[in-house]
Amino acid sequence: MMTFDVDWVDAFSDRPFGGNGCAVVHGGAVLDPDTATAFVRETSLVECTFTGPSEIADICVRYFLASREIPFAGHPTVATVAAMRHRGMIKDGPLTLETGAGIVAVEVNGAQVSMTQIAPKFGAHVPAEIVASVGGIAPSDILHPPRFVSTGLPFCITVVKDRAVLEAARFDMEAFRGFLNHLGVEGTDTMEPFWVTLSDVPDAGDTYARLLMAPPSPAEDPFTGSATGAMAAYLWAEGLIKTPKLSARQGHGLGRPGQAQVEVLGARDAITGVVVAGAAHVLMSGELHL
């Protein structure tokens, strides 16, 4: 039997039951993918992380959904670093993580974790009518051409006209299959649209967003750090925000409000990275026996 220390962390929140939960399995990078994905399914979380030693960074982090391993994820990065600090494995200051998307630089300051996501990769535009059908909204509800952007994991960034449209969106699996067929992509829980609206209410946050997900993942992600980085890069590159800094909010409709402070680095046409920062709360600690 193998035993691993585990922490359950609510990321992008400074209080219990906010933001997005992630179980961090310390030393679990040695586990095979079948065991890792089975553990994610056991937790009913969107993602979990499994750490291990690295020859090129301070630590290696592996990220798993219920279905497969992915190269990077934002809220699990915040959760992993917060869990390590909670256990006294690291101190405040800089840290580097080896991920499947490359080296991610992190800065730790108490319960606050700041990560610099890699320079964005801008992909294909997708017709508004195809994306709109996935969320059950009208094409006219989309304000700007949807486009794939990745700062470690690709999402179809889709800007809708207001909070009412954002909250009315409902995931249509059949339309999503058509969306994937249009892209020539096989699978299910991959590359979903990231729905975002710009806030016009003072002090309410600059963006609100939702990520509706396909099975076997949960129906909705409370807070998506990797998509938040991609979203900010898109908004800055497309001239939809006046400054490269914004406050991003997500999860409010789920009763799990989360918030991140975001800064896009570089000029609109030469982005070098995206800093995504947020708090984390260690909710539970224990042991995993396999």
Protein backbone atom coordinates (compact mmCIF):
# COMPACT_ATOMS: atom_id res chain seq x y z
CA MET A 1 0.00 0.00 0.00
CA MET A 2 1.14 3.53 -0.84
CA THR A 3 0.24 6.50 1.36
CA PHE A 4 0.27 10.14 0.21
CA ASP A 5 -0.41 13.39 2.03
CA VAL A 6 -3.39 15.22 0.54
CA ASP A 7 -4.74 18.75 0.89
CA TRP A 8 -8.10 19.97 -0.37
CA VAL A 9 -7.77 23.65 -1.28
CA ASP A 10 -10.32 26.25 -2.38
CA ALA A 11 -8.46 28.40 -4.91
CA PHE A 12 -9.25 31.98 -5.90
CA SER A 13 -11.03 32.50 -2.60
CA ASP A 14 -9.92 33.61 0.87
CA ARG A 15 -12.66 31.65 2.64
CA PRO A 16 -14.06 28.11 2.81
CA PHE A 17 -16.38 26.92 0.02
CA GLY A 18 -15.53 29.75 -2.36
CA GLY A 19 -13.67 29.69 -5.64
CA ASN A 20 -12.73 26.29 -7.03
CA GLY A 21 -11.66 23.22 -5.07
CA CYS A 22 -8.63 21.09 -5.91
CA ALA A 23 -7.15 18.08 -4.14
CA VAL A 24 -3.35 18.17 -4.09
CA VAL A 25 -1.63 14.78 -3.79
CA HIS A 26 1.90 15.45 -2.54
CA GLY A 27 4.39 13.08 -4.15
CA GLY A 28 1.64 11.62 -6.32
CA ALA A 29 3.35 12.32 -9.66
CA VAL A 30 4.53 8.69 -9.57
CA LEU A 31 0.97 7.42 -9.96
CA ASP A 32 -0.18 6.00 -13.30
CA PRO A 33 -2.84 7.91 -15.28
CA ASP A 34 -5.61 5.39 -14.57
CA THR A 35 -5.14 5.77 -10.82
CA ALA A 36 -4.88 9.55 -11.03
CA THR A 37 -8.06 9.91 -13.09
CA ALA A 38 -9.88 7.48 -10.78
CA PHE A 39 -8.93 9.69 -7.84
CA VAL A 40 -10.32 12.77 -9.61
CA ARG A 41 -13.59 10.93 -10.22
CA GLU A 42 -13.65 9.90 -6.56
CA THR A 43 -13.46 13.56 -5.47
CA SER A 44 -16.04 14.82 -8.02
CA LEU A 45 -13.75 17.81 -8.55
CA VAL A 46 -12.87 19.20 -11.98
CA GLU A 47 -9.12 18.70 -11.54
CA CYS A 48 -6.55 17.40 -9.07
CA THR A 49 -2.78 17.77 -8.98
CA PHE A 50 0.01 15.33 -8.27
CA THR A 51 3.45 16.64 -7.37
CA GLY A 52 6.97 15.27 -7.60
CA PRO A 53 10.61 16.28 -7.91
CA SER A 54 11.93 18.12 -10.96
CA GLU A 55 15.37 18.45 -12.50
CA ILE A 56 14.50 21.72 -14.25
CA ALA A 57 12.29 23.54 -11.71
CA ASP A 58 11.60 23.61 -7.98
CA ILE A 59 8.83 21.02 -8.31
CA CYS A 60 6.96 19.07 -10.97
CA VAL A 61 3.16 19.32 -11.10
CA ARG A 62 0.91 16.97 -13.07
CA TYR A 63 -2.70 17.95 -13.73
CA PHE A 64 -5.56 15.50 -14.23
CA LEU A 65 -9.21 15.74 -15.18
CA ALA A 66 -11.60 12.85 -14.57
CA SER A 67 -10.81 11.65 -18.10
CA ARG A 68 -7.15 12.40 -18.81
CA GLU A 69 -3.98 14.31 -18.01
CA ILE A 70 -3.75 17.91 -19.22
CA PRO A 71 -0.62 20.08 -19.54
CA PHE A 72 -1.65 22.92 -17.24
CA ALA A 73 -4.50 24.35 -15.20
CA GLY A 74 -4.76 27.62 -13.32
CA HIS A 75 -6.74 27.09 -10.13
CA PRO A 76 -4.88 23.81 -9.38
CA THR A 77 -1.60 25.71 -9.67
CA VAL A 78 -2.75 28.19 -7.02
CA ALA A 79 -4.06 25.32 -4.89
CA THR A 80 -0.84 23.31 -5.18
CA VAL A 81 1.39 26.18 -4.12
CA ALA A 82 -0.94 27.11 -1.24
CA ALA A 83 -0.93 23.50 -0.04
CA MET A 84 2.86 23.34 -0.13
CA ARG A 85 3.14 26.55 1.88
CA HIS A 86 0.53 25.28 4.37
CA ARG A 87 2.73 22.24 5.03
CA GLY A 88 5.91 24.31 5.36
CA MET A 89 7.40 22.81 2.20
CA ILE A 90 8.03 26.28 0.75
CA LYS A 91 8.28 29.84 2.05
CA ASP A 92 7.15 33.16 0.67
CA GLY A 93 8.97 34.25 -2.45
CA PRO A 94 9.58 32.98 -5.99
CA LEU A 95 9.01 29.39 -7.11
CA THR A 96 9.16 27.57 -10.44
CA LEU A 97 6.90 24.71 -11.51
CA GLU A 98 7.58 22.16 -14.20
CA THR A 99 4.29 21.59 -16.08
CA GLY A 100 3.30 20.00 -19.34
CA ALA A 101 3.00 23.49 -20.79
CA GLY A 102 6.50 24.55 -19.74
CA ILE A 103 8.03 26.27 -16.73
CA VAL A 104 5.54 28.39 -14.79
CA ALA A 105 6.93 31.10 -12.52
CA VAL A 106 5.08 31.64 -9.25
CA GLU A 107 5.32 34.20 -6.45
CA VAL A 108 4.02 33.35 -2.98
CA ASN A 109 2.99 35.92 -0.38
CA GLY A 110 1.04 34.39 2.47
CA ALA A 111 -2.30 33.11 1.20
CA GLN A 112 -1.80 34.99 -2.07
CA VAL A 113 -0.35 33.14 -5.06
CA SER A 114 0.64 34.83 -8.31
CA MET A 115 1.50 32.78 -11.40
CA THR A 116 2.88 33.98 -14.71
CA GLN A 117 1.24 31.96 -17.45
CA ILE A 118 3.15 31.47 -20.68
CA ALA A 119 2.80 33.77 -23.70
CA PRO A 120 -0.56 33.20 -25.37
CA LYS A 121 -0.98 31.18 -28.54
CA PHE A 122 -3.78 32.59 -30.68
CA GLY A 123 -5.64 30.02 -32.73
CA ALA A 124 -8.56 29.86 -35.10
CA HIS A 125 -11.69 31.97 -35.05
CA VAL A 126 -14.95 30.03 -34.81
CA PRO A 127 -18.20 31.28 -36.43
CA ALA A 128 -20.42 32.94 -33.85
CA GLU A 129 -23.44 30.85 -34.81
CA ILE A 130 -21.57 27.60 -34.07
CA VAL A 131 -20.35 28.81 -30.68
CA ALA A 132 -23.70 30.36 -29.76
CA SER A 133 -25.49 27.05 -30.29
CA VAL A 134 -23.27 25.38 -27.67
CA GLY A 135 -24.59 27.78 -25.02
CA GLY A 136 -28.15 27.99 -26.32
CA ILE A 137 -27.86 31.72 -27.00
CA ALA A 138 -28.38 33.82 -30.13
CA PRO A 139 -25.42 34.63 -32.38
CA SER A 140 -26.31 38.31 -31.92
CA ASP A 141 -25.59 37.89 -28.19
CA ILE A 142 -21.88 37.48 -29.05
CA LEU A 143 -20.10 40.83 -29.34
CA HIS A 144 -16.76 39.85 -30.90
CA PRO A 145 -15.50 36.96 -33.07
CA PRO A 146 -14.87 33.95 -30.81
CA ARG A 147 -11.30 32.70 -30.95
CA PHE A 148 -9.15 29.96 -29.48
CA VAL A 149 -6.45 31.20 -27.13
CA SER A 150 -4.11 29.21 -24.92
CA THR A 151 -1.78 30.24 -22.11
CA GLY A 152 -1.19 26.56 -21.38
CA LEU A 153 -4.63 25.12 -22.21
CA PRO A 154 -6.87 26.15 -25.15
CA PHE A 155 -10.30 27.73 -24.73
CA CYS A 156 -12.67 29.36 -27.19
CA ILE A 157 -12.95 32.86 -25.73
CA THR A 158 -16.47 34.18 -26.34
CA VAL A 159 -17.56 37.67 -25.27
CA VAL A 160 -21.30 38.07 -24.71
CA LYS A 161 -23.20 41.30 -24.37
CA ASP A 162 -24.26 41.27 -20.69
CA ARG A 163 -24.68 39.31 -17.45
CA ALA A 164 -28.21 38.25 -18.41
CA VAL A 165 -26.90 36.38 -21.46
CA LEU A 166 -24.04 34.93 -19.43
CA GLU A 167 -26.40 33.58 -16.77
CA ALA A 168 -28.88 32.26 -19.35
CA ALA A 169 -26.30 30.11 -21.16
CA ARG A 170 -27.00 26.36 -20.99
CA PHE A 171 -24.70 23.64 -22.31
CA ASP A 172 -26.03 21.80 -25.39
CA MET A 173 -24.13 18.53 -25.85
CA GLU A 174 -25.39 17.90 -29.37
CA ALA A 175 -24.35 21.40 -30.46
CA PHE A 176 -21.00 20.87 -28.76
CA ARG A 177 -20.44 17.74 -30.86
CA GLY A 178 -21.06 19.90 -33.93
CA PHE A 179 -18.60 22.45 -32.56
CA LEU A 180 -15.93 19.75 -32.18
CA ASN A 181 -16.72 18.33 -35.62
CA HIS A 182 -16.23 21.80 -37.10
CA LEU A 183 -12.81 21.90 -35.44
CA GLY A 184 -11.94 18.34 -36.45
CA VAL A 185 -11.43 17.41 -32.78
CA GLU A 186 -12.36 14.09 -31.18
CA GLY A 187 -13.35 13.64 -27.54
CA THR A 188 -15.75 15.37 -25.21
CA ASP A 189 -14.48 17.47 -22.30
CA THR A 190 -12.07 19.62 -24.29
CA MET A 191 -11.81 23.14 -25.70
CA GLU A 192 -15.20 24.33 -24.43
CA PRO A 193 -16.25 27.96 -24.98
CA PHE A 194 -15.30 30.29 -22.14
CA TRP A 195 -18.19 32.73 -21.82
CA VAL A 196 -17.27 36.21 -20.58
CA THR A 197 -18.89 39.61 -20.26
CA LEU A 198 -17.35 42.96 -19.43
CA SER A 199 -18.81 44.57 -16.33
CA ASP A 200 -20.31 48.05 -16.53
CA VAL A 201 -20.93 48.25 -12.78
CA PRO A 202 -18.29 50.17 -10.76
CA ASP A 203 -16.38 48.05 -8.23
CA ALA A 204 -18.11 44.88 -9.46
CA GLY A 205 -15.06 43.42 -11.22
CA ASP A 206 -14.03 44.01 -14.79
CA THR A 207 -15.17 40.64 -16.11
CA TYR A 208 -17.59 37.88 -15.19
CA ALA A 209 -17.22 34.48 -16.80
CA ARG A 210 -18.56 30.93 -16.92
CA LEU A 211 -17.18 27.63 -18.17
CA LEU A 212 -19.84 25.03 -18.96
CA MET A 213 -18.28 21.59 -19.29
CA ALA A 214 -18.96 18.28 -21.02
CA PRO A 215 -19.03 14.89 -19.24
CA PRO A 216 -17.29 13.26 -17.47
CA SER A 217 -16.33 16.59 -15.90
CA PRO A 218 -18.82 18.38 -13.62
CA ALA A 219 -21.39 20.50 -15.43
CA GLU A 220 -19.70 23.82 -14.62
CA ASP A 221 -16.28 24.92 -13.42
CA PRO A 222 -16.48 27.38 -10.50
CA PHE A 223 -13.28 29.25 -11.42
CA THR A 224 -10.97 28.63 -14.36
CA GLY A 225 -7.51 30.15 -13.91
CA SER A 226 -6.05 28.98 -17.21
CA ALA A 227 -9.03 30.29 -19.18
CA THR A 228 -8.84 33.57 -17.25
CA GLY A 229 -5.29 34.07 -18.52
CA ALA A 230 -6.31 33.25 -22.09
CA MET A 231 -9.33 35.54 -21.79
CA ALA A 232 -7.25 38.49 -20.58
CA ALA A 233 -4.78 38.02 -23.43
CA TYR A 234 -7.68 37.95 -25.93
CA LEU A 235 -9.31 41.08 -24.50
CA TRP A 236 -6.03 42.99 -24.53
CA ALA A 237 -4.94 41.83 -28.00
CA GLU A 238 -8.36 42.57 -29.51
CA GLY A 239 -8.53 46.06 -27.99
CA LEU A 240 -11.57 45.26 -25.84
CA ILE A 241 -10.02 46.57 -22.60
CA LYS A 242 -8.29 49.92 -22.11
CA THR A 243 -5.60 48.73 -19.69
CA PRO A 244 -3.78 45.39 -19.37
CA LYS A 245 -4.97 44.95 -15.79
CA LEU A 246 -8.36 43.63 -14.75
CA SER A 247 -10.29 41.92 -11.98
CA ALA A 248 -11.84 38.62 -13.08
CA ARG A 249 -14.80 37.03 -11.32
CA GLN A 250 -16.43 33.64 -11.76
CA GLY A 251 -18.55 31.13 -9.84
CA HIS A 252 -21.10 33.56 -8.44
CA GLY A 253 -24.06 31.73 -9.95
CA LEU A 254 -22.87 28.53 -8.28
CA GLY A 255 -22.63 30.10 -4.85
CA ARG A 256 -18.83 29.73 -5.02
CA PRO A 257 -17.63 33.27 -5.84
CA GLY A 258 -14.03 33.51 -6.92
CA GLN A 259 -11.81 36.40 -7.95
CA ALA A 260 -8.42 36.89 -9.59
CA GLN A 261 -6.28 39.91 -10.30
CA VAL A 262 -4.87 39.73 -13.81
CA GLU A 263 -2.19 41.59 -15.74
CA VAL A 264 -1.27 41.00 -19.36
CA LEU A 265 2.44 41.54 -19.98
CA GLY A 266 3.63 43.25 -23.16
CA ALA A 267 2.10 45.24 -25.98
CA ARG A 268 -1.18 44.22 -27.58
CA ASP A 269 0.65 42.65 -30.51
CA ALA A 270 3.57 41.23 -28.51
CA ILE A 271 2.22 39.65 -25.31
CA THR A 272 4.92 37.84 -23.34
CA GLY A 273 2.80 36.31 -20.57
CA VAL A 274 -0.17 36.78 -18.28
CA VAL A 275 0.00 37.15 -14.51
CA VAL A 276 -3.00 35.64 -12.71
CA ALA A 277 -3.11 36.07 -8.94
CA GLY A 278 -5.52 34.98 -6.24
CA ALA A 279 -5.97 33.76 -2.70
CA ALA A 280 -6.40 30.18 -1.51
CA HIS A 281 -7.88 28.51 1.56
CA VAL A 282 -6.72 25.06 2.70
CA LEU A 283 -10.00 23.38 3.63
CA MET A 284 -8.98 19.83 4.57
CA SER A 285 -5.81 17.79 5.04
CA GLY A 286 -5.39 14.05 5.28
CA GLU A 287 -3.89 10.91 3.78
CA LEU A 288 -4.61 8.92 0.64
CA HIS A 289 -4.17 5.16 0.84
CA LEU A 290 -3.80 3.22 -2.41
